[in-house]
Amino acid sequence: MVSERIVQRRVANAQCRQVLEVLAGANQCRVQHIRWAQALRHVETHRGVGRRILDGRQVAVLAAATTGNLPQALALVKGTEPGDAWENGVTAAPTALCRPGDRHAAETAVGHWLALEVGEGLAVFSTRLALIVLTARDTAGPDTPRPETCCGI
């Protein structure tokens, strides 16, 4: 039981690191070597963590997730205000990654990615998001029941 949780946490942390390529954006120089806590302090100092899933909130989610604090990461995602269509995909991706084994969360992330209208200059973003959500779906396993709550959220 304990070793299974350790494995799930390591898988979730590894998957959250994959989100770096999609979510780092303007903060990429600060998140080299997965220094999410330092990047979060920088964001909080300069412009803060907003309510939408823009750079600051993305960094906060990943800072929590990569340190194994999945409940905090999920709370940040759950408290995210809706924005543009692409933001739904970005919000759904860490939700799926931070809920290892939750097939419904993974399929929701895939659905948001499929609904994206890829405009000019967004091919790389869409491809990276696809890799993340498809990885989440593939690691969720077949017919995994959806938990009513995850990690107390």
N, C-alpha and C. Protein backbone atom coordinates (compact mmCIF):
# COMPACT_ATOMS: atom_id res chain seq x y z
N MET A 1 0.83 -1.20 0.00
CA MET A 1 0.00 0.00 0.00
C MET A 1 0.87 1.26 0.00
N VAL A 2 1.84 1.32 0.91
CA VAL A 2 2.71 2.48 0.99
C VAL A 2 3.56 2.59 -0.28
N SER A 3 4.12 1.46 -0.72
CA SER A 3 4.96 1.51 -1.92
C SER A 3 4.16 1.90 -3.15
N GLU A 4 2.88 1.51 -3.22
CA GLU A 4 2.03 1.90 -4.35
C GLU A 4 1.84 3.42 -4.37
N ARG A 5 1.65 4.02 -3.20
CA ARG A 5 1.50 5.48 -3.13
C ARG A 5 2.79 6.18 -3.54
N ILE A 6 3.93 5.63 -3.15
CA ILE A 6 5.22 6.22 -3.54
C ILE A 6 5.38 6.17 -5.05
N VAL A 7 5.04 5.03 -5.65
CA VAL A 7 5.14 4.89 -7.10
C VAL A 7 4.20 5.88 -7.78
N GLN A 8 2.95 5.98 -7.29
CA GLN A 8 2.00 6.93 -7.89
C GLN A 8 2.50 8.36 -7.78
N ARG A 9 3.09 8.72 -6.65
CA ARG A 9 3.61 10.08 -6.46
C ARG A 9 4.76 10.33 -7.44
N ARG A 10 5.66 9.35 -7.59
CA ARG A 10 6.78 9.52 -8.52
C ARG A 10 6.28 9.65 -9.96
N VAL A 11 5.28 8.86 -10.32
CA VAL A 11 4.71 8.96 -11.67
C VAL A 11 4.07 10.33 -11.86
N ALA A 12 3.31 10.78 -10.87
CA ALA A 12 2.66 12.09 -10.96
C ALA A 12 3.70 13.20 -11.07
N ASN A 13 4.77 13.11 -10.28
CA ASN A 13 5.82 14.14 -10.34
C ASN A 13 6.50 14.14 -11.69
N ALA A 14 6.77 12.96 -12.24
CA ALA A 14 7.41 12.88 -13.56
C ALA A 14 6.50 13.46 -14.62
N GLN A 15 5.22 13.17 -14.52
CA GLN A 15 4.27 13.69 -15.51
C GLN A 15 4.12 15.20 -15.37
N CYS A 16 4.13 15.69 -14.15
CA CYS A 16 4.02 17.13 -13.96
C CYS A 16 5.23 17.84 -14.55
N ARG A 17 6.40 17.19 -14.49
CA ARG A 17 7.59 17.79 -15.10
C ARG A 17 7.41 17.95 -16.61
N GLN A 18 6.65 17.03 -17.23
CA GLN A 18 6.41 17.14 -18.66
C GLN A 18 5.64 18.41 -19.01
N VAL A 19 4.85 18.86 -18.07
CA VAL A 19 4.04 20.06 -18.29
C VAL A 19 4.94 21.29 -18.45
N LEU A 20 6.19 21.20 -18.00
CA LEU A 20 7.14 22.30 -18.12
C LEU A 20 7.15 22.88 -19.51
N GLU A 21 7.24 22.03 -20.51
CA GLU A 21 7.36 22.50 -21.88
C GLU A 21 6.14 23.30 -22.33
N VAL A 22 4.96 22.96 -21.84
CA VAL A 22 3.75 23.67 -22.24
C VAL A 22 3.52 24.90 -21.38
N LEU A 23 3.75 24.76 -20.10
CA LEU A 23 3.30 25.78 -19.17
C LEU A 23 4.35 26.81 -18.75
N ALA A 24 5.60 26.55 -19.04
CA ALA A 24 6.65 27.44 -18.53
C ALA A 24 6.55 28.84 -19.12
N GLY A 25 6.31 28.95 -20.41
CA GLY A 25 6.14 30.25 -21.06
C GLY A 25 7.22 31.24 -20.68
N ALA A 26 6.81 32.42 -20.22
CA ALA A 26 7.74 33.50 -19.90
C ALA A 26 8.62 33.19 -18.70
N ASN A 27 8.25 32.21 -17.92
CA ASN A 27 9.04 31.88 -16.73
C ASN A 27 10.03 30.75 -16.98
N GLN A 28 10.24 30.39 -18.22
CA GLN A 28 11.08 29.24 -18.53
C GLN A 28 12.48 29.36 -17.95
N CYS A 29 13.05 30.55 -17.99
CA CYS A 29 14.41 30.69 -17.45
C CYS A 29 14.44 30.44 -15.95
N ARG A 30 13.34 30.68 -15.26
CA ARG A 30 13.30 30.48 -13.81
C ARG A 30 13.01 29.04 -13.42
N VAL A 31 12.52 28.22 -14.34
CA VAL A 31 12.14 26.87 -13.97
C VAL A 31 13.10 25.81 -14.48
N GLN A 32 14.27 26.24 -14.96
CA GLN A 32 15.28 25.27 -15.34
C GLN A 32 15.58 24.39 -14.13
N HIS A 33 15.81 23.13 -14.41
CA HIS A 33 16.11 22.15 -13.38
C HIS A 33 14.96 22.01 -12.38
N ILE A 34 13.76 22.30 -12.83
CA ILE A 34 12.55 22.11 -12.04
C ILE A 34 12.61 22.85 -10.70
N ARG A 35 12.96 24.10 -10.73
CA ARG A 35 13.02 24.93 -9.53
C ARG A 35 11.70 25.67 -9.36
N TRP A 36 10.64 24.91 -9.19
CA TRP A 36 9.30 25.50 -9.15
C TRP A 36 9.10 26.40 -7.95
N ALA A 37 9.62 26.03 -6.80
CA ALA A 37 9.43 26.87 -5.61
C ALA A 37 10.06 28.25 -5.80
N GLN A 38 11.26 28.28 -6.39
CA GLN A 38 11.92 29.55 -6.67
C GLN A 38 11.13 30.34 -7.71
N ALA A 39 10.63 29.66 -8.72
CA ALA A 39 9.83 30.33 -9.74
C ALA A 39 8.56 30.90 -9.13
N LEU A 40 7.96 30.17 -8.19
CA LEU A 40 6.75 30.65 -7.53
C LEU A 40 7.04 31.90 -6.71
N ARG A 41 8.15 31.91 -5.97
CA ARG A 41 8.52 33.11 -5.20
C ARG A 41 8.72 34.31 -6.14
N HIS A 42 9.33 34.06 -7.28
CA HIS A 42 9.53 35.13 -8.26
C HIS A 42 8.19 35.67 -8.76
N VAL A 43 7.30 34.78 -9.11
CA VAL A 43 5.97 35.19 -9.59
C VAL A 43 5.23 35.97 -8.53
N GLU A 44 5.25 35.47 -7.30
CA GLU A 44 4.54 36.16 -6.22
C GLU A 44 5.12 37.54 -5.95
N THR A 45 6.42 37.68 -6.11
CA THR A 45 7.08 38.97 -5.89
C THR A 45 6.72 39.98 -6.98
N HIS A 46 6.63 39.53 -8.20
CA HIS A 46 6.49 40.46 -9.32
C HIS A 46 5.07 40.69 -9.81
N ARG A 47 4.26 39.69 -9.87
CA ARG A 47 2.92 39.94 -10.38
C ARG A 47 1.84 39.07 -9.75
N GLY A 48 2.24 38.11 -8.96
CA GLY A 48 1.29 37.32 -8.21
C GLY A 48 0.67 36.18 -9.00
N VAL A 49 -0.13 35.43 -8.27
CA VAL A 49 -0.83 34.29 -8.84
C VAL A 49 -2.28 34.72 -9.06
N GLY A 50 -2.65 34.82 -10.30
CA GLY A 50 -4.01 35.25 -10.63
C GLY A 50 -5.03 34.15 -10.50
N ARG A 51 -6.25 34.44 -10.88
CA ARG A 51 -7.35 33.47 -10.78
C ARG A 51 -7.46 32.62 -12.04
N ARG A 52 -6.93 33.12 -13.16
CA ARG A 52 -6.95 32.34 -14.40
C ARG A 52 -5.67 31.52 -14.51
N ILE A 53 -5.65 30.55 -15.40
CA ILE A 53 -4.52 29.62 -15.51
C ILE A 53 -3.43 30.19 -16.42
N LEU A 54 -3.04 31.41 -16.12
CA LEU A 54 -1.94 32.05 -16.84
C LEU A 54 -0.63 31.70 -16.13
N ASP A 55 0.46 32.32 -16.52
CA ASP A 55 1.79 31.92 -16.04
C ASP A 55 1.87 31.74 -14.52
N GLY A 56 1.42 32.74 -13.76
CA GLY A 56 1.56 32.67 -12.31
C GLY A 56 0.85 31.48 -11.69
N ARG A 57 -0.37 31.23 -12.10
CA ARG A 57 -1.13 30.12 -11.55
C ARG A 57 -0.55 28.78 -12.01
N GLN A 58 -0.07 28.73 -13.25
CA GLN A 58 0.55 27.50 -13.75
C GLN A 58 1.77 27.16 -12.89
N VAL A 59 2.59 28.14 -12.60
CA VAL A 59 3.79 27.92 -11.79
C VAL A 59 3.38 27.46 -10.39
N ALA A 60 2.34 28.06 -9.80
CA ALA A 60 1.89 27.67 -8.47
C ALA A 60 1.41 26.22 -8.45
N VAL A 61 0.67 25.82 -9.48
CA VAL A 61 0.18 24.44 -9.57
C VAL A 61 1.36 23.48 -9.65
N LEU A 62 2.31 23.79 -10.52
CA LEU A 62 3.45 22.89 -10.70
C LEU A 62 4.38 22.89 -9.50
N ALA A 63 4.51 24.02 -8.81
CA ALA A 63 5.34 24.06 -7.60
C ALA A 63 4.76 23.11 -6.55
N ALA A 64 3.45 23.11 -6.42
CA ALA A 64 2.81 22.21 -5.46
C ALA A 64 2.92 20.76 -5.92
N ALA A 65 2.62 20.50 -7.18
CA ALA A 65 2.59 19.12 -7.68
C ALA A 65 3.97 18.47 -7.66
N THR A 66 4.99 19.20 -8.04
CA THR A 66 6.33 18.59 -8.10
C THR A 66 6.95 18.36 -6.74
N THR A 67 6.39 18.95 -5.69
CA THR A 67 6.85 18.65 -4.34
C THR A 67 5.97 17.60 -3.68
N GLY A 68 5.05 17.03 -4.46
CA GLY A 68 4.19 15.97 -3.94
C GLY A 68 2.95 16.47 -3.25
N ASN A 69 2.70 17.77 -3.25
CA ASN A 69 1.52 18.33 -2.60
C ASN A 69 0.37 18.36 -3.62
N LEU A 70 -0.10 17.18 -3.99
CA LEU A 70 -1.17 17.10 -4.98
C LEU A 70 -2.48 17.73 -4.51
N PRO A 71 -2.84 17.63 -3.22
CA PRO A 71 -4.06 18.32 -2.78
C PRO A 71 -4.01 19.83 -3.04
N GLN A 72 -2.86 20.46 -2.76
CA GLN A 72 -2.74 21.90 -3.01
C GLN A 72 -2.80 22.19 -4.51
N ALA A 73 -2.12 21.38 -5.30
CA ALA A 73 -2.13 21.57 -6.75
C ALA A 73 -3.56 21.47 -7.28
N LEU A 74 -4.29 20.47 -6.82
CA LEU A 74 -5.67 20.29 -7.28
C LEU A 74 -6.58 21.41 -6.79
N ALA A 75 -6.33 21.91 -5.58
CA ALA A 75 -7.13 23.04 -5.07
C ALA A 75 -6.91 24.28 -5.93
N LEU A 76 -5.66 24.51 -6.33
CA LEU A 76 -5.37 25.66 -7.20
C LEU A 76 -6.08 25.50 -8.55
N VAL A 77 -6.03 24.30 -9.10
CA VAL A 77 -6.69 24.05 -10.38
C VAL A 77 -8.19 24.22 -10.24
N LYS A 78 -8.75 23.64 -9.17
CA LYS A 78 -10.20 23.72 -8.95
C LYS A 78 -10.66 25.17 -8.78
N GLY A 79 -9.82 26.00 -8.18
CA GLY A 79 -10.17 27.40 -7.95
C GLY A 79 -9.89 28.31 -9.14
N THR A 80 -9.48 27.73 -10.26
CA THR A 80 -9.17 28.53 -11.44
C THR A 80 -10.44 29.03 -12.11
N GLU A 81 -10.45 30.31 -12.44
CA GLU A 81 -11.59 30.88 -13.16
C GLU A 81 -11.47 30.54 -14.64
N PRO A 82 -12.61 30.24 -15.28
CA PRO A 82 -12.57 29.93 -16.72
C PRO A 82 -12.09 31.14 -17.51
N GLY A 83 -11.45 30.84 -18.62
CA GLY A 83 -10.97 31.89 -19.50
C GLY A 83 -11.20 31.49 -20.94
N ASP A 84 -10.20 31.70 -21.77
CA ASP A 84 -10.29 31.33 -23.18
C ASP A 84 -10.31 29.81 -23.31
N ALA A 85 -10.70 29.33 -24.50
CA ALA A 85 -10.82 27.89 -24.74
C ALA A 85 -9.52 27.14 -24.47
N TRP A 86 -8.39 27.71 -24.85
CA TRP A 86 -7.11 27.02 -24.64
C TRP A 86 -6.83 26.83 -23.16
N GLU A 87 -7.35 27.73 -22.32
CA GLU A 87 -7.11 27.63 -20.89
C GLU A 87 -7.78 26.40 -20.29
N ASN A 88 -8.90 25.97 -20.88
CA ASN A 88 -9.56 24.76 -20.40
C ASN A 88 -8.65 23.56 -20.55
N GLY A 89 -7.95 23.49 -21.69
CA GLY A 89 -7.01 22.40 -21.90
C GLY A 89 -5.85 22.45 -20.94
N VAL A 90 -5.34 23.66 -20.69
CA VAL A 90 -4.21 23.82 -19.78
C VAL A 90 -4.65 23.51 -18.35
N THR A 91 -5.87 23.82 -17.99
CA THR A 91 -6.38 23.51 -16.65
C THR A 91 -6.63 22.01 -16.50
N ALA A 92 -7.14 21.39 -17.54
CA ALA A 92 -7.47 19.96 -17.47
C ALA A 92 -6.21 19.09 -17.42
N ALA A 93 -5.12 19.53 -18.04
CA ALA A 93 -3.90 18.71 -18.09
C ALA A 93 -3.33 18.44 -16.69
N PRO A 94 -3.07 19.46 -15.87
CA PRO A 94 -2.53 19.14 -14.54
C PRO A 94 -3.55 18.44 -13.65
N THR A 95 -4.85 18.67 -13.90
CA THR A 95 -5.87 17.93 -13.15
C THR A 95 -5.69 16.45 -13.39
N ALA A 96 -5.56 16.07 -14.66
CA ALA A 96 -5.38 14.65 -15.00
C ALA A 96 -4.07 14.10 -14.46
N LEU A 97 -3.00 14.88 -14.58
CA LEU A 97 -1.69 14.40 -14.13
C LEU A 97 -1.61 14.27 -12.61
N CYS A 98 -2.33 15.12 -11.90
CA CYS A 98 -2.29 15.09 -10.45
C CYS A 98 -3.31 14.13 -9.85
N ARG A 99 -4.04 13.46 -10.72
CA ARG A 99 -4.99 12.43 -10.28
C ARG A 99 -4.65 11.11 -10.97
N PRO A 100 -3.49 10.55 -10.64
CA PRO A 100 -3.10 9.31 -11.31
C PRO A 100 -4.16 8.24 -11.13
N GLY A 101 -4.52 7.59 -12.20
CA GLY A 101 -5.54 6.55 -12.15
C GLY A 101 -6.95 7.03 -12.40
N ASP A 102 -7.16 8.34 -12.47
CA ASP A 102 -8.50 8.88 -12.70
C ASP A 102 -8.74 8.99 -14.20
N ARG A 103 -9.36 7.97 -14.76
CA ARG A 103 -9.60 7.91 -16.21
C ARG A 103 -10.50 9.05 -16.67
N HIS A 104 -11.49 9.41 -15.86
CA HIS A 104 -12.41 10.49 -16.24
C HIS A 104 -11.66 11.81 -16.40
N ALA A 105 -10.78 12.12 -15.45
CA ALA A 105 -10.00 13.37 -15.55
C ALA A 105 -9.12 13.35 -16.79
N ALA A 106 -8.54 12.19 -17.09
CA ALA A 106 -7.69 12.08 -18.28
C ALA A 106 -8.51 12.26 -19.57
N GLU A 107 -9.67 11.63 -19.63
CA GLU A 107 -10.51 11.76 -20.83
C GLU A 107 -11.04 13.19 -20.98
N THR A 108 -11.31 13.86 -19.86
CA THR A 108 -11.74 15.26 -19.92
C THR A 108 -10.63 16.12 -20.51
N ALA A 109 -9.39 15.87 -20.10
CA ALA A 109 -8.24 16.62 -20.64
C ALA A 109 -8.11 16.38 -22.14
N VAL A 110 -8.25 15.13 -22.56
CA VAL A 110 -8.18 14.81 -23.99
C VAL A 110 -9.29 15.52 -24.75
N GLY A 111 -10.48 15.54 -24.18
CA GLY A 111 -11.61 16.21 -24.81
C GLY A 111 -11.37 17.70 -25.01
N HIS A 112 -10.79 18.34 -24.01
CA HIS A 112 -10.47 19.78 -24.14
C HIS A 112 -9.41 20.00 -25.22
N TRP A 113 -8.43 19.11 -25.27
CA TRP A 113 -7.41 19.24 -26.30
C TRP A 113 -8.03 19.07 -27.69
N LEU A 114 -8.90 18.07 -27.85
CA LEU A 114 -9.53 17.84 -29.16
C LEU A 114 -10.40 19.03 -29.58
N ALA A 115 -10.96 19.74 -28.61
CA ALA A 115 -11.83 20.87 -28.91
C ALA A 115 -11.07 22.14 -29.29
N LEU A 116 -9.76 22.14 -29.07
CA LEU A 116 -8.96 23.33 -29.39
C LEU A 116 -8.95 23.61 -30.89
N GLU A 117 -9.12 24.85 -31.22
CA GLU A 117 -8.94 25.28 -32.60
C GLU A 117 -7.52 25.84 -32.70
N VAL A 118 -6.68 25.09 -33.37
CA VAL A 118 -5.27 25.47 -33.43
C VAL A 118 -5.10 26.58 -34.46
N GLY A 119 -4.78 27.75 -33.96
CA GLY A 119 -4.56 28.89 -34.82
C GLY A 119 -3.10 29.00 -35.23
N GLU A 120 -2.83 30.02 -35.99
CA GLU A 120 -1.47 30.27 -36.44
C GLU A 120 -0.54 30.46 -35.25
N GLY A 121 0.58 29.78 -35.28
CA GLY A 121 1.57 29.90 -34.23
C GLY A 121 1.31 29.03 -33.01
N LEU A 122 0.28 28.19 -33.05
CA LEU A 122 -0.05 27.38 -31.88
C LEU A 122 0.21 25.89 -32.08
N ALA A 123 0.85 25.52 -33.17
CA ALA A 123 1.09 24.10 -33.46
C ALA A 123 1.96 23.45 -32.38
N VAL A 124 3.01 24.12 -31.96
CA VAL A 124 3.89 23.54 -30.94
C VAL A 124 3.15 23.41 -29.62
N PHE A 125 2.43 24.45 -29.23
CA PHE A 125 1.63 24.40 -27.99
C PHE A 125 0.65 23.23 -28.04
N SER A 126 -0.08 23.11 -29.13
CA SER A 126 -1.07 22.05 -29.26
C SER A 126 -0.43 20.66 -29.22
N THR A 127 0.71 20.52 -29.87
CA THR A 127 1.41 19.24 -29.87
C THR A 127 1.89 18.88 -28.48
N ARG A 128 2.45 19.83 -27.78
CA ARG A 128 2.94 19.56 -26.42
C ARG A 128 1.79 19.24 -25.48
N LEU A 129 0.70 19.98 -25.60
CA LEU A 129 -0.47 19.69 -24.78
C LEU A 129 -1.00 18.30 -25.10
N ALA A 130 -1.01 17.93 -26.38
CA ALA A 130 -1.46 16.59 -26.78
C ALA A 130 -0.61 15.52 -26.11
N LEU A 131 0.70 15.70 -26.12
CA LEU A 131 1.58 14.70 -25.51
C LEU A 131 1.28 14.55 -24.02
N ILE A 132 1.00 15.65 -23.36
CA ILE A 132 0.72 15.60 -21.93
C ILE A 132 -0.61 14.90 -21.65
N VAL A 133 -1.67 15.31 -22.34
CA VAL A 133 -2.98 14.73 -22.03
C VAL A 133 -3.07 13.27 -22.47
N LEU A 134 -2.40 12.92 -23.57
CA LEU A 134 -2.42 11.52 -24.01
C LEU A 134 -1.60 10.65 -23.05
N THR A 135 -0.51 11.20 -22.51
CA THR A 135 0.25 10.47 -21.50
C THR A 135 -0.60 10.25 -20.26
N ALA A 136 -1.32 11.28 -19.84
CA ALA A 136 -2.20 11.14 -18.68
C ALA A 136 -3.26 10.07 -18.94
N ARG A 137 -3.82 10.06 -20.14
CA ARG A 137 -4.84 9.06 -20.47
C ARG A 137 -4.24 7.66 -20.49
N ASP A 138 -3.08 7.53 -21.08
CA ASP A 138 -2.45 6.21 -21.19
C ASP A 138 -2.03 5.65 -19.84
N THR A 139 -1.68 6.51 -18.90
CA THR A 139 -1.26 6.04 -17.58
C THR A 139 -2.44 5.90 -16.62
N ALA A 140 -3.62 6.37 -17.01
CA ALA A 140 -4.79 6.25 -16.13
C ALA A 140 -5.27 4.81 -16.05
N GLY A 141 -4.98 4.02 -17.07
CA GLY A 141 -5.39 2.62 -17.06
C GLY A 141 -6.82 2.47 -17.56
N PRO A 142 -7.14 1.26 -18.00
CA PRO A 142 -8.48 1.02 -18.53
C PRO A 142 -9.52 0.89 -17.43
N ASP A 143 -10.67 1.43 -17.70
CA ASP A 143 -11.82 1.27 -16.82
C ASP A 143 -11.54 1.60 -15.36
N THR A 144 -10.74 2.60 -15.14
CA THR A 144 -10.45 3.03 -13.77
C THR A 144 -11.65 3.82 -13.27
N PRO A 145 -12.23 3.43 -12.15
CA PRO A 145 -13.40 4.17 -11.67
C PRO A 145 -13.02 5.58 -11.26
N ARG A 146 -13.93 6.50 -11.46
CA ARG A 146 -13.70 7.90 -11.10
C ARG A 146 -13.95 8.07 -9.61
N PRO A 147 -12.96 8.55 -8.86
CA PRO A 147 -13.20 8.78 -7.44
C PRO A 147 -14.11 10.00 -7.24
N GLU A 148 -14.92 9.95 -6.22
CA GLU A 148 -15.80 11.07 -5.93
C GLU A 148 -15.00 12.28 -5.49
N THR A 149 -13.99 12.05 -4.72
CA THR A 149 -13.08 13.12 -4.33
C THR A 149 -11.66 12.58 -4.45
N CYS A 150 -10.74 13.45 -4.63
CA CYS A 150 -9.34 13.03 -4.69
C CYS A 150 -8.56 13.84 -3.69
N CYS A 151 -7.88 13.18 -2.84
CA CYS A 151 -6.99 13.85 -1.89
C CYS A 151 -7.74 14.88 -1.04
N GLY A 152 -8.98 14.61 -0.70
CA GLY A 152 -9.75 15.50 0.15
C GLY A 152 -10.33 16.71 -0.55
N ILE A 153 -10.25 16.74 -1.87
CA ILE A 153 -10.77 17.91 -2.62
C ILE A 153 -12.09 17.56 -3.24
